[in-house]
């Protein structure tokens, strides 16, 4: 099982490396990156941007420090590489951000390995486990977020570990296995909550997979929750001199949760611009899998077979219900700018567990339906991978924002009108841009002018990149780096991707046999 899981992680990592954007340009991404750079130098102050002033007059990011701490090695390596190459100005910024931008590629690769191992631990067949893992990694928004520097992939990994560890600890007959599960659950809860305080309720829902057979089993996982909360308290005290000021201001108050619940839930699940049903069609199978999980029963007291599955099934339902209730009422429920329902990305791996159960021993008809849904999801996702969602928002006129985030008409057409769905918008841009590249009309950077400190490029370059393809080896060509070595690097990576997936398939087949 470990061999196949690690083989999948390597194959996914190489795929994400090949298709990575190599850029950090979103407001939240940039401030998180700057926080990591500041921590390298012993500070938590960041340049002004998506920030809030502390009582000392300095600017601090509203983002938590969980991701910044874990990304420190890559951020430091990026800065060192830029200095070693002798880059100055905007090129030094590009080089530093390039290295750090692959942080989530590593996180999501580890997440997919953990998902496969979790499904196998739940006694799902090797092939069904691989199918559910590949579907999560490449037919849902998770692929797009693997190209970002946002915190959602880290939150997703934490929730998955919390649920998997809790389920194992709650049903394992051997004390050593119980303790191992408790530690995994604690680490997962700590990771998710450290990445974002709002992950507290979903993390507790995931820990419900522990069940109540052994109440003492909750002590270690709840210790992980407490440690994460203590980290937030210290961080808030350092920034704002208060244990209760998170930096989100009014967004952290009850006044920010005024969206009618049915509007937000409909938007997150079914709206044309943000509905997970269209951005991850394979999740349509999840209810079938959950039904199979909660029907599981223990066959013997010694093995307690089925208890972990049943508890995990109910925990998945609880985590999704908590996420939908919390974000369905949030004024900014759509999480713009982002691709698909950003706030549901952390619970996608939980639904993928249910998809694995739906595929395990599935009929030929269900398998055919699953293939159709996966192909549809792949097509949708490739549009998000090929075109940066921020470029689509800018071209559609959705950015810069013209209305306040809490205005009920904010991005109304993109959210609710199928004619203006970003799915179609990204594909229109991708088709046009591919045609321009084939005609030798690729954009060019480095033309001079005032540089936007957030994006690291000029306004004219921002407009030119509306015609870009969102992969790092093409961006490097736009910046004037010779294209022959870039092409060789891309082809070598592609060969590595093919080799790694063949190796992963052989490992899964061996397990299946």
Protein backbone atom coordinates (compact mmCIF):
# COMPACT_ATOMS: atom_id res chain seq x y z
CA UNK A 1 0.00 0.00 0.00
CA UNK A 2 2.80 2.43 0.89
CA UNK A 3 4.62 1.72 -2.36
CA UNK A 4 1.55 2.48 -4.48
CA UNK A 5 0.67 5.59 -2.44
CA UNK A 6 4.15 7.07 -2.83
CA UNK A 7 4.19 6.19 -6.53
CA UNK A 8 0.93 8.10 -6.97
CA UNK A 9 2.39 11.05 -5.04
CA UNK A 10 5.43 11.17 -7.33
CA UNK A 11 3.31 10.94 -10.49
CA UNK A 12 0.99 13.69 -9.26
CA UNK A 13 3.88 15.92 -8.24
CA UNK A 14 5.51 15.67 -11.67
CA UNK A 15 2.16 16.37 -13.35
CA UNK A 16 1.63 19.45 -11.21
CA UNK A 17 5.22 20.55 -11.84
CA UNK A 18 4.66 20.31 -15.59
CA UNK A 19 1.39 22.26 -15.50
CA UNK A 20 2.32 24.71 -12.73
CA UNK A 21 1.93 28.42 -13.33
CA UNK A 22 5.10 29.42 -11.50
CA UNK A 23 3.40 32.64 -10.37
CA UNK A 24 2.06 34.18 -7.15
CA UNK A 25 -0.16 37.15 -7.98
CA UNK A 26 -3.44 36.98 -6.00
CA UNK A 27 -3.78 39.35 -3.05
CA UNK A 28 -4.01 36.59 -0.43
CA UNK A 29 -1.21 34.66 -2.13
CA UNK A 30 1.14 37.64 -2.20
CA UNK A 31 0.58 38.57 1.45
CA UNK A 32 1.10 34.95 2.52
CA UNK A 33 4.31 34.86 0.48
CA UNK A 34 5.48 38.13 2.03
CA UNK A 35 4.67 36.78 5.51
CA UNK A 36 6.89 33.77 4.87
CA UNK A 37 9.70 36.04 3.65
CA UNK A 38 9.33 38.18 6.77
CA UNK A 39 9.45 35.15 9.06
CA UNK A 40 12.73 34.13 7.42
CA UNK A 41 14.12 37.44 8.73
CA UNK A 42 12.52 37.14 12.18
CA UNK A 43 9.46 39.36 11.65
CA UNK A 44 5.76 39.01 10.85
CA UNK A 45 5.27 42.50 9.37
CA UNK A 46 4.41 42.58 5.66
CA UNK A 47 4.20 45.29 2.97
CA UNK A 48 0.85 47.05 2.66
CA UNK A 49 -1.73 45.24 0.58
CA UNK A 50 -4.42 42.84 1.82
CA UNK A 51 -3.40 43.89 5.31
CA UNK A 52 -4.51 45.51 8.56
CA UNK A 53 -2.60 47.97 10.76
CA UNK A 54 -1.61 46.87 14.22
CA UNK A 55 -1.45 49.11 17.30
CA UNK A 56 2.23 49.75 16.49
CA UNK A 57 1.27 51.28 13.12
CA UNK A 58 2.83 48.38 11.16
CA UNK A 59 0.92 46.37 8.55
CA UNK A 60 0.10 42.69 9.10
CA UNK A 61 -1.63 40.15 6.92
CA UNK A 62 -5.02 38.82 7.97
CA UNK A 63 -3.85 35.35 6.88
CA UNK A 64 -2.75 32.88 9.52
CA UNK A 65 0.83 31.71 9.69
CA UNK A 66 0.36 27.95 9.25
CA UNK A 67 1.05 27.87 5.52
CA UNK A 68 3.78 30.51 5.74
CA UNK A 69 5.71 28.45 8.28
CA UNK A 70 5.52 25.25 6.24
CA UNK A 71 6.45 27.06 3.03
CA UNK A 72 9.56 28.65 4.61
CA UNK A 73 12.08 26.27 2.98
CA UNK A 74 10.75 26.92 -0.53
CA UNK A 75 10.45 30.67 0.02
CA UNK A 76 13.99 30.88 1.38
CA UNK A 77 15.25 28.72 -1.50
CA UNK A 78 13.53 31.01 -4.02
CA UNK A 79 15.16 34.11 -2.56
CA UNK A 80 18.55 32.37 -2.51
CA UNK A 81 18.15 31.23 -6.13
CA UNK A 82 17.27 34.77 -7.26
CA UNK A 83 20.35 36.16 -5.52
CA UNK A 84 22.61 33.41 -6.91
CA UNK A 85 21.38 34.12 -10.44
CA UNK A 86 22.10 37.82 -9.99
CA UNK A 87 18.52 38.84 -10.75
CA UNK A 88 17.44 42.37 -9.89
CA UNK A 89 14.10 44.14 -9.56
CA UNK A 90 11.07 42.44 -11.04
CA UNK A 91 13.07 39.47 -12.35
CA UNK A 92 14.25 38.72 -8.81
CA UNK A 93 10.60 38.83 -7.69
CA UNK A 94 9.56 36.47 -10.49
CA UNK A 95 12.33 33.98 -9.68
CA UNK A 96 11.59 33.97 -5.94
CA UNK A 97 7.86 33.54 -6.42
CA UNK A 98 8.46 30.87 -9.07
CA UNK A 99 10.14 28.52 -6.60
CA UNK A 100 7.61 29.14 -3.82
CA UNK A 101 4.66 28.65 -6.19
CA UNK A 102 5.21 24.88 -6.22
CA UNK A 103 4.47 24.53 -2.51
CA UNK A 104 0.89 23.41 -3.09
CA UNK A 105 1.99 20.97 -5.78
CA UNK A 106 3.85 19.14 -3.00
CA UNK A 107 0.92 19.45 -0.59
CA UNK A 108 -1.64 18.07 -3.07
CA UNK A 109 0.68 15.23 -4.11
CA UNK A 110 0.93 14.21 -0.44
CA UNK A 111 -2.84 14.62 -0.11
CA UNK A 112 -3.45 12.18 -2.97
CA UNK A 113 -1.08 9.65 -1.42
CA UNK A 114 -2.95 10.03 1.88
CA UNK A 115 -6.32 9.59 0.16
CA UNK A 116 -5.21 6.39 -1.57
CA UNK A 117 -3.81 5.01 1.70
CA UNK A 118 -7.01 5.98 3.53
CA UNK A 119 -9.22 4.20 1.02
CA UNK A 120 -7.05 1.08 1.14
CA UNK A 121 -7.18 1.25 4.93
CA UNK A 122 -10.97 1.23 4.61
CA UNK A 123 -10.62 -1.97 2.52
CA UNK A 124 -11.63 -0.35 -0.78
CA UNK A 125 -10.08 -2.18 -3.74
CA UNK A 126 -6.82 -0.89 -5.16
CA UNK A 127 -8.31 0.03 -8.53
CA UNK A 128 -11.32 1.84 -7.04
CA UNK A 129 -8.94 3.68 -4.69
CA UNK A 130 -6.75 4.76 -7.60
CA UNK A 131 -9.80 5.87 -9.62
CA UNK A 132 -11.15 8.02 -6.77
CA UNK A 133 -7.70 9.47 -6.09
CA UNK A 134 -7.06 10.36 -9.73
CA UNK A 135 -10.55 11.83 -10.03
CA UNK A 136 -9.93 14.10 -7.04
CA UNK A 137 -6.52 15.19 -8.26
CA UNK A 138 -7.35 15.87 -11.89
CA UNK A 139 -11.10 16.31 -12.43
CA UNK A 140 -11.89 18.75 -9.61
CA UNK A 141 -10.77 22.29 -8.67
CA UNK A 142 -8.00 20.77 -6.54
CA UNK A 143 -5.73 20.72 -9.62
CA UNK A 144 -6.19 24.47 -10.09
CA UNK A 145 -5.44 25.11 -6.40
CA UNK A 146 -2.30 22.98 -6.66
CA UNK A 147 -1.06 25.80 -8.93
CA UNK A 148 -1.82 28.46 -6.31
CA UNK A 149 -0.27 29.70 -3.07
CA UNK A 150 -3.62 29.63 -1.27
CA UNK A 151 -4.23 27.76 1.99
CA UNK A 152 -7.09 25.51 0.81
CA UNK A 153 -4.93 22.49 -0.17
CA UNK A 154 -3.26 22.50 3.25
CA UNK A 155 -6.67 22.71 4.93
CA UNK A 156 -7.86 19.79 2.79
CA UNK A 157 -4.87 17.66 3.76
CA UNK A 158 -5.46 18.42 7.43
CA UNK A 159 -9.14 17.47 7.33
CA UNK A 160 -8.38 14.24 5.48
CA UNK A 161 -5.76 13.21 8.03
CA UNK A 162 -8.08 14.15 10.90
CA UNK A 163 -10.85 11.92 9.55
CA UNK A 164 -8.61 9.02 8.54
CA UNK A 165 -6.75 9.01 11.84
CA UNK A 166 -9.93 9.33 13.87
CA UNK A 167 -11.65 6.48 12.05
CA UNK A 168 -8.64 4.25 12.50
CA UNK A 169 -8.22 5.09 16.17
CA UNK A 170 -11.89 4.60 16.94
CA UNK A 171 -12.08 1.09 15.51
CA UNK A 172 -8.55 -0.35 15.72
CA UNK A 173 -8.40 -3.43 18.02
CA UNK A 174 -4.69 -3.09 18.85
CA UNK A 175 -3.58 -0.35 21.28
CA UNK A 176 -0.60 0.53 19.10
CA UNK A 177 -2.88 1.11 16.10
CA UNK A 178 -5.22 3.15 18.25
CA UNK A 179 -2.42 5.42 19.43
CA UNK A 180 -1.12 5.81 15.87
CA UNK A 181 -4.57 6.83 14.67
CA UNK A 182 -4.96 9.31 17.51
CA UNK A 183 -1.65 10.96 16.62
CA UNK A 184 -2.59 11.20 12.93
CA UNK A 185 -5.97 12.70 13.85
CA UNK A 186 -4.30 15.24 16.14
CA UNK A 187 -1.77 16.20 13.47
CA UNK A 188 -4.52 16.60 10.88
CA UNK A 189 -6.69 18.77 13.11
CA UNK A 190 -3.67 20.88 14.07
CA UNK A 191 -2.69 21.32 10.40
CA UNK A 192 -6.17 22.28 9.19
CA UNK A 193 -6.89 24.75 11.99
CA UNK A 194 -3.40 26.26 11.86
CA UNK A 195 -3.92 26.91 8.15
CA UNK A 196 -7.26 28.65 8.82
CA UNK A 197 -9.13 29.23 12.07
CA UNK A 198 -12.47 28.64 10.31
CA UNK A 199 -11.46 24.98 9.87
CA UNK A 200 -12.17 24.38 13.56
CA UNK A 201 -15.80 23.19 13.14
CA UNK A 202 -15.11 20.95 10.09
CA UNK A 203 -12.08 19.47 11.89
CA UNK A 204 -14.21 18.62 14.93
CA UNK A 205 -16.76 17.03 12.60
CA UNK A 206 -13.99 14.89 11.11
CA UNK A 207 -12.88 13.84 14.60
CA UNK A 208 -16.41 12.50 15.17
CA UNK A 209 -15.17 9.43 13.26
CA UNK A 210 -13.57 8.46 16.59
CA UNK A 211 -16.99 7.41 17.83
CA UNK A 212 -17.71 7.07 21.55
CA UNK A 213 -16.52 3.51 22.11
CA UNK A 214 -13.39 4.87 23.82
CA UNK A 215 -13.97 8.44 25.11
CA UNK A 216 -10.33 8.70 26.15
CA UNK A 217 -9.36 8.38 22.48
CA UNK A 218 -10.48 12.01 22.07
CA UNK A 219 -7.77 13.39 24.38
CA UNK A 220 -4.85 13.41 21.93
CA UNK A 221 -6.82 14.70 18.90
CA UNK A 222 -8.39 17.45 21.01
CA UNK A 223 -4.89 18.30 22.14
CA UNK A 224 -4.05 18.98 18.49
CA UNK A 225 -7.05 21.31 18.28
CA UNK A 226 -6.01 23.11 21.47
CA UNK A 227 -2.43 23.51 20.26
CA UNK A 228 -3.63 25.06 16.99
CA UNK A 229 -5.89 27.49 18.86
CA UNK A 230 -3.00 28.43 21.13
CA UNK A 231 -0.89 29.15 18.06
CA UNK A 232 -3.59 31.48 16.74
CA UNK A 233 -3.78 33.24 20.11
CA UNK A 234 -0.03 33.87 20.18
CA UNK A 235 -0.02 35.05 16.57
CA UNK A 236 -2.94 37.44 17.19
CA UNK A 237 -1.21 38.80 20.29
CA UNK A 238 2.00 39.45 18.34
CA UNK A 239 0.14 41.21 15.52
CA UNK A 240 -2.59 43.17 17.23
CA UNK A 241 -1.92 42.98 20.95
CA UNK A 242 -5.15 41.05 21.47
CA UNK A 243 -6.03 37.37 21.74
CA UNK A 244 -9.31 37.95 19.92
CA UNK A 245 -8.40 40.14 16.92
CA UNK A 246 -7.84 37.87 13.91
CA UNK A 247 -7.33 40.56 11.28
CA UNK A 248 -10.56 39.77 9.48
CA UNK A 249 -12.41 42.62 11.20
CA UNK A 250 -16.09 42.73 10.28
CA UNK A 251 -15.76 39.53 8.25
CA UNK A 252 -15.27 37.64 11.52
CA UNK A 253 -18.47 39.04 13.08
CA UNK A 254 -22.06 37.84 12.91
CA UNK A 255 -22.81 40.77 10.59
CA UNK A 256 -20.84 39.03 7.82
CA UNK A 257 -23.21 36.06 7.76
CA UNK A 258 -26.33 37.56 6.26
CA UNK A 259 -26.71 35.64 2.99
CA UNK A 260 -29.93 33.58 3.06
CA UNK A 261 -28.81 30.01 3.68
CA UNK A 262 -30.67 28.57 0.71
CA UNK A 263 -29.03 31.13 -1.60
CA UNK A 264 -25.53 30.35 -0.43
CA UNK A 265 -26.01 26.58 -0.41
CA UNK A 266 -27.56 26.66 -3.87
CA UNK A 267 -24.68 28.84 -5.04
CA UNK A 268 -22.03 26.50 -3.64
CA UNK A 269 -23.67 23.35 -4.97
CA UNK A 270 -25.53 24.19 -8.17
CA UNK A 271 -24.98 27.76 -9.43
CA UNK A 272 -23.54 27.99 -12.94
CA UNK A 273 -20.55 30.05 -11.81
CA UNK A 274 -19.60 28.36 -8.54
CA UNK A 275 -21.57 25.11 -8.17
CA UNK A 276 -19.43 22.14 -7.21
CA UNK A 277 -21.79 19.94 -9.24
CA UNK A 278 -20.34 21.44 -12.43
CA UNK A 279 -16.75 22.03 -11.31
CA UNK A 280 -16.40 18.46 -9.94
CA UNK A 281 -19.07 16.26 -11.58
CA UNK A 282 -17.58 13.03 -10.21
CA UNK A 283 -18.90 14.06 -6.79
CA UNK A 284 -22.38 13.16 -8.03
CA UNK A 285 -21.37 9.62 -7.02
CA UNK A 286 -20.58 10.64 -3.45
CA UNK A 287 -24.12 10.16 -2.02
CA UNK A 288 -24.06 6.53 -3.20
CA UNK A 289 -20.73 6.03 -1.47
CA UNK A 290 -21.88 7.65 1.76
CA UNK A 291 -24.94 5.41 1.79
CA UNK A 292 -22.69 2.36 1.43
CA UNK A 293 -20.42 3.60 4.23
CA UNK A 294 -23.10 4.28 6.82
CA UNK A 295 -24.67 0.86 6.17
CA UNK A 296 -21.42 -0.87 7.19
CA UNK A 297 -21.63 -3.01 10.31
CA UNK A 298 -19.00 -4.62 12.51
CA UNK A 299 -18.76 -8.37 11.93
CA UNK A 300 -16.80 -9.22 15.07
CA UNK A 301 -15.77 -7.56 18.29
CA UNK A 302 -12.15 -8.54 17.63
CA UNK A 303 -11.87 -6.92 14.22
CA UNK A 304 -14.63 -4.29 14.65
CA UNK A 305 -14.75 -4.42 10.88
CA UNK A 306 -17.05 -1.76 9.51
CA UNK A 307 -17.07 0.54 12.56
CA UNK A 308 -14.37 2.78 11.11
CA UNK A 309 -16.20 2.99 7.79
CA UNK A 310 -19.58 3.76 9.31
CA UNK A 311 -18.20 6.44 11.62
CA UNK A 312 -16.21 7.96 8.75
CA UNK A 313 -19.34 8.10 6.60
CA UNK A 314 -21.26 10.06 9.21
CA UNK A 315 -18.24 12.30 9.82
CA UNK A 316 -18.11 13.13 6.09
CA UNK A 317 -21.78 14.09 6.17
CA UNK A 318 -21.20 16.23 9.26
CA UNK A 319 -18.15 18.01 7.82
CA UNK A 320 -19.97 18.87 4.59
CA UNK A 321 -23.03 20.05 6.51
CA UNK A 322 -20.89 22.29 8.70
CA UNK A 323 -19.05 23.75 5.68
CA UNK A 324 -22.27 24.41 3.76
CA UNK A 325 -23.97 26.00 6.76
CA UNK A 326 -20.99 28.22 7.62
CA UNK A 327 -20.10 29.41 4.13
CA UNK A 328 -23.65 29.34 2.76
CA UNK A 329 -24.49 32.23 5.09
CA UNK A 330 -21.26 34.15 4.48
CA UNK A 331 -21.65 37.40 2.52
CA UNK A 332 -18.64 36.43 0.43
CA UNK A 333 -19.82 32.82 -0.03
CA UNK A 334 -18.31 32.47 -3.52
CA UNK A 335 -14.77 33.17 -2.30
CA UNK A 336 -13.86 35.37 -5.28
CA UNK A 337 -11.45 35.58 -6.92
CA UNK A 338 -11.07 31.91 -7.26
CA UNK A 339 -11.89 28.94 -9.45
CA UNK A 340 -15.12 27.22 -8.48
CA UNK A 341 -16.38 27.10 -4.87
CA UNK A 342 -13.11 27.89 -3.09
CA UNK A 343 -14.52 27.32 0.37
CA UNK A 344 -15.56 23.75 -0.44
CA UNK A 345 -12.07 22.73 -1.61
CA UNK A 346 -11.03 21.61 1.92
CA UNK A 347 -13.87 19.06 2.08
CA UNK A 348 -13.37 17.68 -1.44
CA UNK A 349 -11.09 14.82 -0.27
CA UNK A 350 -13.76 13.73 2.20
CA UNK A 351 -16.26 13.42 -0.65
CA UNK A 352 -13.63 11.57 -2.68
CA UNK A 353 -13.55 8.89 0.03
CA UNK A 354 -17.26 8.35 -0.61
CA UNK A 355 -16.60 8.25 -4.38
CA UNK A 356 -14.13 5.44 -3.77
CA UNK A 357 -16.82 3.44 -1.97
CA UNK A 358 -19.27 4.12 -4.80
CA UNK A 359 -16.76 2.69 -7.28
CA UNK A 360 -15.76 -0.34 -5.21
CA UNK A 361 -17.50 -3.34 -6.77
CA UNK A 362 -19.57 -1.04 -8.98
CA UNK A 363 -21.73 -2.36 -11.80
CA UNK A 364 -20.73 -1.82 -15.44
CA UNK A 365 -23.39 0.89 -15.74
CA UNK A 366 -22.07 2.78 -12.72
CA UNK A 367 -18.51 2.52 -14.02
CA UNK A 368 -19.58 3.96 -17.36
CA UNK A 369 -21.37 6.81 -15.62
CA UNK A 370 -18.25 7.39 -13.52
CA UNK A 371 -16.08 7.57 -16.66
CA UNK A 372 -18.48 10.09 -18.23
CA UNK A 373 -18.48 12.25 -15.10
CA UNK A 374 -14.70 12.08 -14.78
CA UNK A 375 -14.18 13.07 -18.42
CA UNK A 376 -16.60 15.98 -18.01
CA UNK A 377 -14.73 17.07 -14.90
CA UNK A 378 -11.38 16.77 -16.69
CA UNK A 379 -12.59 18.99 -19.51
CA UNK A 380 -13.89 21.61 -17.07
CA UNK A 381 -10.69 21.49 -15.01
CA UNK A 382 -8.37 21.79 -18.02
CA UNK A 383 -9.97 25.16 -18.73
CA UNK A 384 -9.03 26.28 -15.22
CA UNK A 385 -5.54 24.83 -15.55
CA UNK A 386 -4.87 26.41 -18.96
CA UNK A 387 -6.12 29.92 -18.12
CA UNK A 388 -5.47 31.68 -14.81
CA UNK A 389 -8.86 32.44 -13.27
CA UNK A 390 -7.74 36.00 -12.47
CA UNK A 391 -7.13 36.65 -16.16
CA UNK A 392 -10.63 35.42 -17.01
CA UNK A 393 -12.14 37.66 -14.32
CA UNK A 394 -10.22 40.66 -15.65
CA UNK A 395 -11.22 40.01 -19.26
CA UNK A 396 -14.87 39.46 -18.30
CA UNK A 397 -14.91 42.80 -16.46
CA UNK A 398 -15.39 41.17 -13.04
CA UNK A 399 -12.06 42.55 -11.83
CA UNK A 400 -11.21 45.16 -10.65
CA UNK A 401 -14.37 44.92 -8.56
CA UNK A 402 -17.03 47.56 -9.17
CA UNK A 403 -19.32 46.56 -6.28
CA UNK A 404 -18.70 45.79 -2.62
CA UNK A 405 -18.27 42.12 -1.73
CA UNK A 406 -21.43 42.18 0.38
CA UNK A 407 -23.56 43.70 -2.39
CA UNK A 408 -26.20 41.12 -3.48
CA UNK A 409 -25.45 42.00 -7.12
CA UNK A 410 -21.68 41.43 -6.76
CA UNK A 411 -20.53 39.41 -9.81
CA UNK A 412 -24.17 38.49 -10.35
CA UNK A 413 -23.83 37.41 -13.99
CA UNK A 414 -20.72 35.28 -13.43
CA UNK A 415 -22.27 33.56 -10.42
CA UNK A 416 -25.79 32.90 -11.66
CA UNK A 417 -26.09 33.28 -15.45
CA UNK A 418 -24.94 30.14 -17.37
CA UNK A 419 -24.06 32.34 -20.34
CA UNK A 420 -21.29 33.99 -18.31
CA UNK A 421 -20.03 30.99 -16.34
CA UNK A 422 -16.24 31.01 -15.91
CA UNK A 423 -16.18 27.43 -17.21
CA UNK A 424 -17.16 28.66 -20.66
CA UNK A 425 -15.15 31.87 -20.27
CA UNK A 426 -11.92 30.03 -19.55
CA UNK A 427 -12.41 27.71 -22.51
CA UNK A 428 -13.15 30.61 -24.85
CA UNK A 429 -9.90 32.25 -23.77
CA UNK A 430 -7.97 28.99 -23.96
CA UNK A 431 -9.11 28.32 -27.53
CA UNK A 432 -8.27 31.85 -28.60
CA UNK A 433 -4.89 31.90 -26.87
CA UNK A 434 -3.85 28.51 -28.23
CA UNK A 435 -4.65 29.75 -31.73
CA UNK A 436 -2.56 32.87 -31.21
CA UNK A 437 0.39 30.81 -29.97
CA UNK A 438 0.19 28.53 -32.99
CA UNK A 439 0.30 31.63 -35.19
CA UNK A 440 3.41 32.90 -33.36
CA UNK A 441 1.55 35.68 -31.55
CA UNK A 442 2.54 34.85 -27.97
CA UNK A 443 2.68 37.79 -25.51
CA UNK A 444 5.99 39.40 -24.52
CA UNK A 445 7.06 40.81 -21.15
CA UNK A 446 9.80 43.20 -20.09
CA UNK A 447 8.59 46.22 -22.06
CA UNK A 448 9.18 48.66 -19.18
CA UNK A 449 6.83 50.90 -17.20
CA UNK A 450 5.55 51.19 -13.65
CA UNK A 451 5.42 47.79 -11.96
CA UNK A 452 2.44 46.73 -9.84
CA UNK A 453 3.99 45.54 -6.54
CA UNK A 454 1.32 42.86 -6.18
CA UNK A 455 1.77 41.18 -9.56
CA UNK A 456 5.37 42.18 -10.25
CA UNK A 457 4.49 43.32 -13.79
CA UNK A 458 3.26 46.49 -15.48
CA UNK A 459 -0.31 47.31 -16.47
CA UNK A 460 0.49 46.74 -20.15
CA UNK A 461 2.00 43.36 -19.30
CA UNK A 462 -1.12 42.45 -17.33
CA UNK A 463 -3.18 43.13 -20.44
CA UNK A 464 -0.77 41.15 -22.61
CA UNK A 465 -1.03 38.14 -20.28
CA UNK A 466 -4.75 37.91 -20.94
CA UNK A 467 -3.49 36.08 -24.04
CA UNK A 468 -1.18 33.74 -22.10
CA UNK A 469 -1.33 30.02 -21.36
CA UNK A 470 -0.94 29.48 -17.62
CA UNK A 471 2.16 27.25 -17.47
CA UNK A 472 5.56 28.31 -16.19
CA UNK A 473 7.60 27.24 -19.23
CA UNK A 474 5.54 29.50 -21.48
CA UNK A 475 5.64 32.40 -19.00
CA UNK A 476 9.44 32.09 -18.98
CA UNK A 477 9.39 32.36 -22.76
CA UNK A 478 7.23 35.46 -22.58
CA UNK A 479 9.89 36.98 -20.29
CA UNK A 480 12.58 36.45 -22.90
CA UNK A 481 14.25 33.25 -21.69
CA UNK A 482 15.40 31.14 -24.71
CA UNK A 483 12.60 28.80 -25.70
CA UNK A 484 14.67 25.80 -26.82
CA UNK A 485 15.92 24.89 -23.31
CA UNK A 486 12.45 25.60 -21.95
CA UNK A 487 10.96 23.22 -24.50
CA UNK A 488 13.53 20.55 -23.60
CA UNK A 489 12.69 20.96 -19.91
CA UNK A 490 8.96 20.64 -20.59
CA UNK A 491 9.45 17.52 -22.74
CA UNK A 492 11.68 15.96 -20.09
CA UNK A 493 9.04 16.64 -17.45
CA UNK A 494 6.37 15.14 -19.70
CA UNK A 495 8.47 11.99 -20.12
CA UNK A 496 8.84 11.86 -16.34
CA UNK A 497 5.07 12.17 -15.93
CA UNK A 498 4.44 9.24 -18.31
CA UNK A 499 7.07 7.10 -16.57
CA UNK A 500 5.77 7.93 -13.08
CA UNK A 501 2.14 7.15 -13.90
CA UNK A 502 3.15 3.85 -15.53
CA UNK A 503 5.07 3.01 -12.37
CA UNK A 504 2.09 3.95 -10.19
CA UNK A 505 -0.24 1.82 -12.31
CA UNK A 506 2.09 -1.18 -11.97
CA UNK A 507 2.18 -0.73 -8.19
CA UNK A 508 -1.62 -0.56 -8.00
CA UNK A 509 -2.00 -3.62 -10.25
CA UNK A 510 0.39 -5.55 -8.05
CA UNK A 511 -1.67 -4.59 -4.99
CA UNK A 512 -4.89 -5.52 -6.76
CA UNK A 513 -3.49 -8.91 -7.71
